[in-house]
Amino acid sequence: MSVKAVFVGMPGSGKTTVGRLVAQSLGVEFADSDELIERTAGRTVPEIFADSGERGFRKIEAEVIATALEDFDGVLSLGGGAILTESTRGVLLGHPVFLIDVREEELVRRLVHSSTVRPLVQHDPVRQVAELHAARGSLYRQVATHTVASDSGPVVGVVRRVLDLMGHPEVVAATGKKKHTSHAKGETL
């Protein structure tokens, strides 16, 4: 078994949405590390943060991700801070890791309008996004095999670029139409 693609990036970058659509396009299963953590721990991510703090959460997260990378044969999306743990960065090596890169202003817009509770960016999204981006940006790039830019445009463009980078430009992507492309591998949107 081998994971087909792993998505990393800042909170609100669209990792889960893109991951689900890529998995659907490839006809494989999708998993989100936060959902796997909640299933494993029997508590929500905010509850784990409240009960065990970020350190306790990251320990559970690292174990769940390592297991998923070993046992899962689909598309996996990681929580925004998963790359903070050195062991997680280590187990990502050799896997196809896609960084969904989004400008800070767009991230703030998405987070402010999201119904998802994100403990690390609840109180002052502009400042907190800037701080998280400064702290995590180089770590995302360290683990990424490919970087795909995302903006306020339709998500189908990001999905198509990912499928192209995976070598599946003919796969039906989100729109139900076959995608024909001549983009160079590794090119950023």
N, C-alpha and C. Protein backbone atom coordinates (compact mmCIF):
# COMPACT_ATOMS: atom_id res chain seq x y z
N MET A 1 0.84 -1.19 0.00
CA MET A 1 0.00 0.00 0.00
C MET A 1 0.87 1.24 0.00
N SER A 2 0.36 2.27 -0.64
CA SER A 2 1.09 3.52 -0.65
C SER A 2 0.12 4.67 -0.85
N VAL A 3 0.27 5.70 -0.03
CA VAL A 3 -0.58 6.87 -0.15
C VAL A 3 -0.36 7.49 -1.53
N LYS A 4 -1.44 7.91 -2.17
CA LYS A 4 -1.36 8.48 -3.53
C LYS A 4 -0.91 9.93 -3.51
N ALA A 5 -1.35 10.69 -2.51
CA ALA A 5 -0.99 12.10 -2.38
C ALA A 5 -1.25 12.53 -0.95
N VAL A 6 -0.40 13.45 -0.46
CA VAL A 6 -0.57 14.03 0.87
C VAL A 6 -0.62 15.54 0.67
N PHE A 7 -1.59 16.19 1.31
CA PHE A 7 -1.74 17.63 1.20
C PHE A 7 -1.36 18.31 2.51
N VAL A 8 -0.50 19.34 2.40
CA VAL A 8 -0.09 20.14 3.54
C VAL A 8 -0.32 21.61 3.21
N GLY A 9 -0.36 22.43 4.25
CA GLY A 9 -0.52 23.86 4.05
C GLY A 9 -1.15 24.50 5.27
N MET A 10 -1.26 25.81 5.20
CA MET A 10 -1.81 26.60 6.29
C MET A 10 -3.28 26.25 6.55
N PRO A 11 -3.76 26.51 7.78
CA PRO A 11 -5.19 26.37 8.02
C PRO A 11 -5.97 27.24 7.04
N GLY A 12 -6.99 26.67 6.43
CA GLY A 12 -7.81 27.42 5.48
C GLY A 12 -7.30 27.39 4.06
N SER A 13 -6.23 26.65 3.80
CA SER A 13 -5.66 26.64 2.45
C SER A 13 -6.47 25.78 1.48
N GLY A 14 -7.34 24.93 1.99
CA GLY A 14 -8.18 24.10 1.13
C GLY A 14 -7.68 22.68 0.97
N LYS A 15 -6.82 22.25 1.86
CA LYS A 15 -6.24 20.91 1.77
C LYS A 15 -7.31 19.82 1.75
N THR A 16 -8.29 19.93 2.60
CA THR A 16 -9.34 18.91 2.68
C THR A 16 -10.22 18.93 1.44
N THR A 17 -10.61 20.11 1.01
CA THR A 17 -11.46 20.22 -0.19
C THR A 17 -10.73 19.68 -1.41
N VAL A 18 -9.51 20.12 -1.62
CA VAL A 18 -8.72 19.65 -2.77
C VAL A 18 -8.48 18.15 -2.65
N GLY A 19 -8.10 17.71 -1.46
CA GLY A 19 -7.84 16.29 -1.26
C GLY A 19 -9.04 15.41 -1.58
N ARG A 20 -10.22 15.82 -1.10
CA ARG A 20 -11.44 15.04 -1.39
C ARG A 20 -11.69 14.96 -2.90
N LEU A 21 -11.54 16.09 -3.59
CA LEU A 21 -11.81 16.11 -5.03
C LEU A 21 -10.76 15.32 -5.82
N VAL A 22 -9.51 15.38 -5.39
CA VAL A 22 -8.47 14.57 -6.05
C VAL A 22 -8.77 13.09 -5.83
N ALA A 23 -9.10 12.71 -4.61
CA ALA A 23 -9.43 11.31 -4.32
C ALA A 23 -10.62 10.85 -5.15
N GLN A 24 -11.65 11.68 -5.21
CA GLN A 24 -12.84 11.36 -6.00
C GLN A 24 -12.45 11.18 -7.47
N SER A 25 -11.63 12.08 -7.98
CA SER A 25 -11.21 12.00 -9.38
C SER A 25 -10.42 10.73 -9.67
N LEU A 26 -9.62 10.30 -8.69
CA LEU A 26 -8.80 9.10 -8.87
C LEU A 26 -9.54 7.82 -8.52
N GLY A 27 -10.71 7.96 -7.90
CA GLY A 27 -11.48 6.78 -7.50
C GLY A 27 -10.87 6.05 -6.31
N VAL A 28 -10.25 6.82 -5.38
CA VAL A 28 -9.66 6.23 -4.18
C VAL A 28 -10.27 6.89 -2.95
N GLU A 29 -9.96 6.34 -1.79
CA GLU A 29 -10.48 6.89 -0.54
C GLU A 29 -9.73 8.16 -0.15
N PHE A 30 -10.42 8.98 0.64
CA PHE A 30 -9.83 10.20 1.18
C PHE A 30 -9.85 10.11 2.71
N ALA A 31 -8.80 10.64 3.33
CA ALA A 31 -8.76 10.74 4.79
C ALA A 31 -8.17 12.08 5.19
N ASP A 32 -8.70 12.66 6.24
CA ASP A 32 -8.22 13.90 6.81
C ASP A 32 -7.61 13.55 8.17
N SER A 33 -6.39 14.00 8.42
CA SER A 33 -5.71 13.61 9.66
C SER A 33 -6.49 14.05 10.90
N ASP A 34 -7.13 15.21 10.86
CA ASP A 34 -7.90 15.65 12.03
C ASP A 34 -9.07 14.70 12.31
N GLU A 35 -9.73 14.22 11.25
CA GLU A 35 -10.82 13.25 11.44
C GLU A 35 -10.28 11.92 11.97
N LEU A 36 -9.12 11.50 11.47
CA LEU A 36 -8.50 10.27 11.97
C LEU A 36 -8.12 10.42 13.44
N ILE A 37 -7.63 11.58 13.82
CA ILE A 37 -7.26 11.86 15.21
C ILE A 37 -8.50 11.79 16.10
N GLU A 38 -9.58 12.43 15.66
CA GLU A 38 -10.81 12.43 16.46
C GLU A 38 -11.35 11.01 16.63
N ARG A 39 -11.28 10.22 15.57
CA ARG A 39 -11.74 8.83 15.63
C ARG A 39 -10.86 8.02 16.60
N THR A 40 -9.56 8.22 16.52
CA THR A 40 -8.62 7.48 17.36
C THR A 40 -8.74 7.89 18.83
N ALA A 41 -8.83 9.21 19.08
CA ALA A 41 -8.84 9.72 20.46
C ALA A 41 -10.23 9.72 21.09
N GLY A 42 -11.27 9.64 20.27
CA GLY A 42 -12.63 9.70 20.80
C GLY A 42 -13.01 11.07 21.31
N ARG A 43 -12.29 12.11 20.85
CA ARG A 43 -12.57 13.50 21.24
C ARG A 43 -12.34 14.38 20.02
N THR A 44 -12.93 15.57 20.04
CA THR A 44 -12.71 16.50 18.94
C THR A 44 -11.34 17.15 19.09
N VAL A 45 -10.86 17.74 17.98
CA VAL A 45 -9.58 18.44 18.03
C VAL A 45 -9.61 19.55 19.09
N PRO A 46 -10.66 20.42 19.12
CA PRO A 46 -10.69 21.46 20.16
C PRO A 46 -10.68 20.87 21.58
N GLU A 47 -11.35 19.73 21.78
CA GLU A 47 -11.34 19.09 23.11
C GLU A 47 -9.94 18.59 23.47
N ILE A 48 -9.24 18.02 22.49
CA ILE A 48 -7.88 17.55 22.75
C ILE A 48 -6.98 18.72 23.11
N PHE A 49 -7.09 19.82 22.35
CA PHE A 49 -6.30 21.02 22.67
C PHE A 49 -6.62 21.51 24.08
N ALA A 50 -7.91 21.55 24.43
CA ALA A 50 -8.32 22.04 25.75
C ALA A 50 -7.82 21.12 26.86
N ASP A 51 -7.89 19.81 26.65
CA ASP A 51 -7.51 18.84 27.68
C ASP A 51 -6.01 18.59 27.77
N SER A 52 -5.34 18.53 26.62
CA SER A 52 -3.94 18.10 26.59
C SER A 52 -2.97 19.15 26.08
N GLY A 53 -3.52 20.29 25.62
CA GLY A 53 -2.67 21.33 25.07
C GLY A 53 -2.15 20.95 23.69
N GLU A 54 -1.43 21.90 23.07
CA GLU A 54 -0.92 21.63 21.73
C GLU A 54 0.09 20.49 21.73
N ARG A 55 0.90 20.41 22.75
CA ARG A 55 1.92 19.34 22.82
C ARG A 55 1.27 17.95 22.82
N GLY A 56 0.24 17.77 23.63
CA GLY A 56 -0.47 16.49 23.68
C GLY A 56 -1.14 16.17 22.35
N PHE A 57 -1.72 17.21 21.74
CA PHE A 57 -2.36 17.02 20.43
C PHE A 57 -1.33 16.59 19.40
N ARG A 58 -0.17 17.26 19.35
CA ARG A 58 0.85 16.95 18.33
C ARG A 58 1.37 15.52 18.49
N LYS A 59 1.43 15.02 19.71
CA LYS A 59 1.88 13.64 19.94
C LYS A 59 0.90 12.65 19.32
N ILE A 60 -0.38 12.85 19.58
CA ILE A 60 -1.41 11.99 18.99
C ILE A 60 -1.38 12.11 17.47
N GLU A 61 -1.29 13.35 16.98
CA GLU A 61 -1.28 13.62 15.54
C GLU A 61 -0.14 12.88 14.85
N ALA A 62 1.06 12.96 15.41
CA ALA A 62 2.23 12.31 14.79
C ALA A 62 2.03 10.80 14.68
N GLU A 63 1.48 10.19 15.71
CA GLU A 63 1.23 8.74 15.70
C GLU A 63 0.19 8.37 14.64
N VAL A 64 -0.88 9.14 14.57
CA VAL A 64 -1.95 8.87 13.61
C VAL A 64 -1.44 9.03 12.17
N ILE A 65 -0.67 10.07 11.91
CA ILE A 65 -0.15 10.30 10.56
C ILE A 65 0.82 9.21 10.16
N ALA A 66 1.71 8.81 11.05
CA ALA A 66 2.67 7.74 10.74
C ALA A 66 1.94 6.46 10.37
N THR A 67 0.89 6.14 11.11
CA THR A 67 0.10 4.94 10.81
C THR A 67 -0.60 5.08 9.47
N ALA A 68 -1.20 6.23 9.21
CA ALA A 68 -1.91 6.43 7.94
C ALA A 68 -0.96 6.34 6.75
N LEU A 69 0.21 6.91 6.86
CA LEU A 69 1.17 6.86 5.74
C LEU A 69 1.60 5.42 5.45
N GLU A 70 1.60 4.60 6.47
CA GLU A 70 2.00 3.21 6.31
C GLU A 70 0.85 2.32 5.81
N ASP A 71 -0.36 2.60 6.27
CA ASP A 71 -1.49 1.69 6.03
C ASP A 71 -2.53 2.17 5.04
N PHE A 72 -2.48 3.41 4.60
CA PHE A 72 -3.57 3.99 3.81
C PHE A 72 -3.19 4.06 2.34
N ASP A 73 -4.10 3.65 1.49
CA ASP A 73 -3.85 3.61 0.05
C ASP A 73 -4.78 4.59 -0.68
N GLY A 74 -4.77 5.84 -0.23
CA GLY A 74 -5.64 6.85 -0.83
C GLY A 74 -4.99 8.20 -0.78
N VAL A 75 -5.81 9.25 -0.62
CA VAL A 75 -5.35 10.63 -0.55
C VAL A 75 -5.53 11.11 0.89
N LEU A 76 -4.48 11.73 1.43
CA LEU A 76 -4.47 12.15 2.83
C LEU A 76 -4.22 13.65 2.94
N SER A 77 -5.03 14.32 3.74
CA SER A 77 -4.85 15.74 4.03
C SER A 77 -4.41 15.87 5.48
N LEU A 78 -3.36 16.68 5.72
CA LEU A 78 -2.84 16.86 7.08
C LEU A 78 -3.29 18.19 7.66
N GLY A 79 -3.44 18.22 8.97
CA GLY A 79 -3.73 19.46 9.66
C GLY A 79 -2.60 20.45 9.44
N GLY A 80 -2.91 21.74 9.52
CA GLY A 80 -1.96 22.79 9.21
C GLY A 80 -0.67 22.75 10.00
N GLY A 81 -0.72 22.26 11.23
CA GLY A 81 0.48 22.24 12.07
C GLY A 81 1.19 20.91 12.13
N ALA A 82 0.75 19.95 11.36
CA ALA A 82 1.34 18.60 11.42
C ALA A 82 2.83 18.61 11.15
N ILE A 83 3.28 19.52 10.31
CA ILE A 83 4.69 19.57 9.92
C ILE A 83 5.59 20.12 11.03
N LEU A 84 5.01 20.60 12.12
CA LEU A 84 5.80 21.10 13.23
C LEU A 84 6.56 19.99 13.94
N THR A 85 6.04 18.78 13.86
CA THR A 85 6.64 17.64 14.54
C THR A 85 7.70 17.02 13.65
N GLU A 86 8.92 16.96 14.17
CA GLU A 86 10.05 16.46 13.39
C GLU A 86 9.81 15.05 12.87
N SER A 87 9.23 14.18 13.69
CA SER A 87 9.00 12.81 13.24
C SER A 87 8.01 12.76 12.08
N THR A 88 7.04 13.66 12.07
CA THR A 88 6.09 13.71 10.96
C THR A 88 6.79 14.18 9.69
N ARG A 89 7.63 15.19 9.81
CA ARG A 89 8.39 15.62 8.63
C ARG A 89 9.24 14.47 8.09
N GLY A 90 9.80 13.69 8.99
CA GLY A 90 10.62 12.55 8.57
C GLY A 90 9.84 11.49 7.84
N VAL A 91 8.65 11.15 8.34
CA VAL A 91 7.88 10.08 7.68
C VAL A 91 7.27 10.53 6.36
N LEU A 92 7.20 11.85 6.14
CA LEU A 92 6.66 12.34 4.88
C LEU A 92 7.65 12.18 3.72
N LEU A 93 8.92 12.08 4.03
CA LEU A 93 9.94 11.94 2.98
C LEU A 93 9.65 10.71 2.13
N GLY A 94 9.74 10.88 0.84
CA GLY A 94 9.49 9.78 -0.08
C GLY A 94 8.04 9.65 -0.52
N HIS A 95 7.16 10.44 0.07
CA HIS A 95 5.75 10.42 -0.32
C HIS A 95 5.46 11.63 -1.21
N PRO A 96 4.46 11.54 -2.10
CA PRO A 96 4.09 12.69 -2.92
C PRO A 96 3.32 13.71 -2.08
N VAL A 97 4.02 14.78 -1.67
CA VAL A 97 3.44 15.78 -0.78
C VAL A 97 3.20 17.07 -1.56
N PHE A 98 1.96 17.55 -1.52
CA PHE A 98 1.55 18.75 -2.22
C PHE A 98 1.28 19.86 -1.22
N LEU A 99 2.00 20.97 -1.36
CA LEU A 99 1.76 22.16 -0.56
C LEU A 99 0.74 23.02 -1.29
N ILE A 100 -0.39 23.28 -0.65
CA ILE A 100 -1.38 24.21 -1.19
C ILE A 100 -1.00 25.57 -0.60
N ASP A 101 -0.49 26.43 -1.46
CA ASP A 101 0.05 27.72 -1.04
C ASP A 101 -0.97 28.83 -1.32
N VAL A 102 -1.30 29.59 -0.30
CA VAL A 102 -2.31 30.64 -0.40
C VAL A 102 -1.75 31.92 0.24
N ARG A 103 -1.96 33.06 -0.41
CA ARG A 103 -1.54 34.34 0.15
C ARG A 103 -2.23 34.57 1.50
N GLU A 104 -1.55 35.26 2.39
CA GLU A 104 -2.07 35.50 3.74
C GLU A 104 -3.43 36.19 3.73
N GLU A 105 -3.61 37.19 2.85
CA GLU A 105 -4.88 37.92 2.81
C GLU A 105 -6.04 36.99 2.46
N GLU A 106 -5.80 36.08 1.53
CA GLU A 106 -6.82 35.12 1.12
C GLU A 106 -7.10 34.12 2.25
N LEU A 107 -6.05 33.70 2.95
CA LEU A 107 -6.25 32.80 4.10
C LEU A 107 -7.14 33.44 5.16
N VAL A 108 -6.86 34.70 5.47
CA VAL A 108 -7.66 35.40 6.47
C VAL A 108 -9.11 35.47 6.02
N ARG A 109 -9.34 35.81 4.75
CA ARG A 109 -10.71 35.88 4.23
C ARG A 109 -11.41 34.54 4.40
N ARG A 110 -10.73 33.46 4.04
CA ARG A 110 -11.33 32.12 4.15
C ARG A 110 -11.62 31.76 5.60
N LEU A 111 -10.68 32.03 6.48
CA LEU A 111 -10.84 31.66 7.89
C LEU A 111 -11.98 32.44 8.55
N VAL A 112 -12.10 33.72 8.22
CA VAL A 112 -13.16 34.55 8.81
C VAL A 112 -14.54 34.04 8.38
N HIS A 113 -14.64 33.49 7.17
CA HIS A 113 -15.93 33.03 6.66
C HIS A 113 -16.15 31.53 6.84
N SER A 114 -15.24 30.84 7.52
CA SER A 114 -15.33 29.39 7.69
C SER A 114 -16.15 29.02 8.93
N SER A 115 -16.86 27.92 8.84
CA SER A 115 -17.58 27.41 10.01
C SER A 115 -16.70 26.45 10.82
N THR A 116 -15.52 26.13 10.32
CA THR A 116 -14.60 25.23 11.02
C THR A 116 -13.89 25.97 12.14
N VAL A 117 -13.88 25.37 13.33
CA VAL A 117 -13.19 25.96 14.47
C VAL A 117 -11.70 25.63 14.34
N ARG A 118 -10.87 26.67 14.32
CA ARG A 118 -9.42 26.49 14.22
C ARG A 118 -8.81 27.16 15.45
N PRO A 119 -8.44 26.35 16.46
CA PRO A 119 -7.99 26.90 17.74
C PRO A 119 -6.85 27.90 17.66
N LEU A 120 -5.95 27.74 16.70
CA LEU A 120 -4.78 28.61 16.66
C LEU A 120 -5.00 29.92 15.92
N VAL A 121 -6.17 30.12 15.32
CA VAL A 121 -6.42 31.38 14.60
C VAL A 121 -7.80 31.95 14.92
N GLN A 122 -8.27 31.75 16.12
CA GLN A 122 -9.61 32.19 16.50
C GLN A 122 -9.70 33.67 16.86
N HIS A 123 -8.70 34.21 17.51
CA HIS A 123 -8.87 35.51 18.16
C HIS A 123 -8.47 36.71 17.32
N ASP A 124 -7.38 36.63 16.60
CA ASP A 124 -6.91 37.73 15.76
C ASP A 124 -6.35 37.12 14.48
N PRO A 125 -7.23 36.73 13.54
CA PRO A 125 -6.79 35.97 12.37
C PRO A 125 -5.67 36.64 11.56
N VAL A 126 -5.69 37.95 11.41
CA VAL A 126 -4.65 38.62 10.60
C VAL A 126 -3.28 38.40 11.24
N ARG A 127 -3.16 38.70 12.50
CA ARG A 127 -1.89 38.55 13.21
C ARG A 127 -1.50 37.08 13.31
N GLN A 128 -2.46 36.23 13.66
CA GLN A 128 -2.14 34.83 13.88
C GLN A 128 -1.76 34.12 12.58
N VAL A 129 -2.41 34.46 11.47
CA VAL A 129 -2.04 33.87 10.18
C VAL A 129 -0.61 34.29 9.81
N ALA A 130 -0.29 35.56 10.01
CA ALA A 130 1.06 36.05 9.71
C ALA A 130 2.10 35.32 10.55
N GLU A 131 1.82 35.14 11.84
CA GLU A 131 2.75 34.44 12.73
C GLU A 131 2.89 32.97 12.34
N LEU A 132 1.77 32.31 12.05
CA LEU A 132 1.83 30.91 11.64
C LEU A 132 2.59 30.75 10.34
N HIS A 133 2.34 31.63 9.40
CA HIS A 133 3.01 31.55 8.10
C HIS A 133 4.52 31.73 8.27
N ALA A 134 4.92 32.68 9.11
CA ALA A 134 6.35 32.91 9.36
C ALA A 134 6.99 31.68 10.01
N ALA A 135 6.27 31.05 10.93
CA ALA A 135 6.82 29.91 11.65
C ALA A 135 6.81 28.61 10.84
N ARG A 136 5.86 28.48 9.92
CA ARG A 136 5.67 27.19 9.25
C ARG A 136 6.07 27.16 7.78
N GLY A 137 6.17 28.32 7.15
CA GLY A 137 6.40 28.36 5.71
C GLY A 137 7.56 27.51 5.23
N SER A 138 8.71 27.63 5.88
CA SER A 138 9.88 26.87 5.44
C SER A 138 9.70 25.37 5.70
N LEU A 139 8.95 25.01 6.74
CA LEU A 139 8.71 23.59 7.02
C LEU A 139 7.80 22.97 5.97
N TYR A 140 6.78 23.72 5.52
CA TYR A 140 5.94 23.22 4.42
C TYR A 140 6.78 22.97 3.18
N ARG A 141 7.62 23.93 2.84
CA ARG A 141 8.46 23.80 1.65
C ARG A 141 9.45 22.65 1.80
N GLN A 142 9.90 22.40 3.02
CA GLN A 142 10.85 21.31 3.28
C GLN A 142 10.26 19.95 2.94
N VAL A 143 8.98 19.74 3.23
CA VAL A 143 8.37 18.43 3.00
C VAL A 143 7.68 18.30 1.65
N ALA A 144 7.44 19.43 0.98
CA ALA A 144 6.66 19.42 -0.26
C ALA A 144 7.45 18.88 -1.44
N THR A 145 6.81 17.99 -2.18
CA THR A 145 7.32 17.53 -3.46
C THR A 145 6.91 18.53 -4.53
N HIS A 146 5.71 19.08 -4.40
CA HIS A 146 5.15 20.05 -5.34
C HIS A 146 4.46 21.16 -4.56
N THR A 147 4.48 22.37 -5.13
CA THR A 147 3.74 23.49 -4.57
C THR A 147 2.71 23.95 -5.60
N VAL A 148 1.47 24.06 -5.15
CA VAL A 148 0.38 24.49 -6.03
C VAL A 148 -0.26 25.71 -5.38
N ALA A 149 -0.29 26.82 -6.10
CA ALA A 149 -0.89 28.04 -5.57
C ALA A 149 -2.41 27.96 -5.68
N SER A 150 -3.07 28.55 -4.69
CA SER A 150 -4.52 28.63 -4.68
C SER A 150 -4.89 30.07 -4.38
N ASP A 151 -5.97 30.52 -4.99
CA ASP A 151 -6.44 31.88 -4.74
C ASP A 151 -7.94 31.85 -4.55
N SER A 152 -8.61 32.93 -4.85
CA SER A 152 -10.06 32.98 -4.66
C SER A 152 -10.82 32.37 -5.84
N GLY A 153 -10.12 31.85 -6.83
CA GLY A 153 -10.75 31.23 -7.99
C GLY A 153 -11.31 29.86 -7.67
N PRO A 154 -11.96 29.24 -8.64
CA PRO A 154 -12.57 27.92 -8.43
C PRO A 154 -11.53 26.85 -8.06
N VAL A 155 -11.91 26.01 -7.13
CA VAL A 155 -11.01 24.97 -6.64
C VAL A 155 -10.65 23.96 -7.74
N VAL A 156 -11.48 23.85 -8.77
CA VAL A 156 -11.22 22.90 -9.83
C VAL A 156 -9.86 23.16 -10.50
N GLY A 157 -9.43 24.42 -10.54
CA GLY A 157 -8.13 24.72 -11.12
C GLY A 157 -7.00 24.12 -10.32
N VAL A 158 -7.11 24.16 -9.00
CA VAL A 158 -6.10 23.56 -8.13
C VAL A 158 -6.12 22.04 -8.29
N VAL A 159 -7.31 21.46 -8.32
CA VAL A 159 -7.45 20.01 -8.48
C VAL A 159 -6.83 19.57 -9.80
N ARG A 160 -7.11 20.30 -10.85
CA ARG A 160 -6.55 19.94 -12.17
C ARG A 160 -5.03 20.00 -12.16
N ARG A 161 -4.48 21.05 -11.54
CA ARG A 161 -3.02 21.17 -11.49
C ARG A 161 -2.41 19.99 -10.72
N VAL A 162 -3.03 19.62 -9.60
CA VAL A 162 -2.53 18.49 -8.81
C VAL A 162 -2.56 17.22 -9.63
N LEU A 163 -3.68 16.96 -10.30
CA LEU A 163 -3.79 15.76 -11.12
C LEU A 163 -2.74 15.75 -12.23
N ASP A 164 -2.49 16.90 -12.80
CA ASP A 164 -1.46 17.02 -13.83
C ASP A 164 -0.09 16.68 -13.25
N LEU A 165 0.23 17.25 -12.09
CA LEU A 165 1.51 16.98 -11.44
C LEU A 165 1.66 15.51 -11.04
N MET A 166 0.53 14.86 -10.77
CA MET A 166 0.55 13.44 -10.41
C MET A 166 0.68 12.55 -11.65
N GLY A 167 0.61 13.16 -12.82
CA GLY A 167 0.69 12.37 -14.04
C GLY A 167 -0.64 11.82 -14.48
N HIS A 168 -1.73 12.45 -14.04
CA HIS A 168 -3.09 12.02 -14.38
C HIS A 168 -3.86 13.14 -15.07
N PRO A 169 -3.31 13.76 -16.13
CA PRO A 169 -4.02 14.89 -16.75
C PRO A 169 -5.32 14.50 -17.44
N GLU A 170 -5.52 13.22 -17.71
CA GLU A 170 -6.73 12.76 -18.39
C GLU A 170 -7.85 12.39 -17.42
N VAL A 171 -7.56 12.40 -16.13
CA VAL A 171 -8.55 12.01 -15.13
C VAL A 171 -9.66 13.05 -15.08
N VAL A 172 -10.89 12.59 -14.91
CA VAL A 172 -12.02 13.49 -14.77
C VAL A 172 -11.88 14.21 -13.43
N ALA A 173 -11.80 15.53 -13.47
CA ALA A 173 -11.55 16.31 -12.26
C ALA A 173 -12.70 17.25 -11.96
N ALA A 174 -13.43 16.96 -10.94
CA ALA A 174 -14.45 17.83 -10.35
C ALA A 174 -15.54 18.33 -11.30
N THR A 175 -15.21 18.69 -12.53
CA THR A 175 -16.20 19.23 -13.46
C THR A 175 -16.88 18.14 -14.26
N GLY A 176 -16.33 16.92 -14.22
CA GLY A 176 -16.88 15.84 -15.02
C GLY A 176 -16.37 15.83 -16.44
N LYS A 177 -15.45 16.73 -16.77
CA LYS A 177 -14.89 16.79 -18.11
C LYS A 177 -13.45 16.29 -18.08
N LYS A 178 -13.03 15.65 -19.16
CA LYS A 178 -11.65 15.21 -19.21
C LYS A 178 -10.74 16.42 -19.31
N LYS A 179 -9.64 16.34 -18.62
CA LYS A 179 -8.67 17.43 -18.59
C LYS A 179 -7.52 17.09 -19.53
N HIS A 180 -7.28 17.95 -20.51
CA HIS A 180 -6.13 17.83 -21.39
C HIS A 180 -5.22 19.00 -21.06
N THR A 181 -3.96 18.71 -20.82
CA THR A 181 -3.06 19.78 -20.42
C THR A 181 -1.66 19.54 -20.92
N SER A 182 -0.89 20.59 -21.01
CA SER A 182 0.50 20.47 -21.42
C SER A 182 1.42 21.20 -20.43
N HIS A 183 0.93 21.44 -19.19
CA HIS A 183 1.73 22.13 -18.19
C HIS A 183 2.95 21.31 -17.81
N ALA A 184 4.04 21.97 -17.57
CA ALA A 184 5.28 21.29 -17.16
C ALA A 184 5.14 20.81 -15.72
N LYS A 185 5.72 19.67 -15.44
CA LYS A 185 5.70 19.15 -14.07
C LYS A 185 6.46 20.09 -13.15
N GLY A 186 5.95 20.23 -11.93
CA GLY A 186 6.59 21.06 -10.94
C GLY A 186 6.25 22.54 -11.04
N GLU A 187 5.52 22.93 -12.06
CA GLU A 187 5.16 24.34 -12.24
C GLU A 187 4.15 24.75 -11.17
N THR A 188 4.34 25.93 -10.64
CA THR A 188 3.41 26.45 -9.63
C THR A 188 2.35 27.29 -10.32
N LEU A 189 1.10 27.14 -9.86
CA LEU A 189 0.01 27.95 -10.39
C LEU A 189 0.28 29.43 -10.24
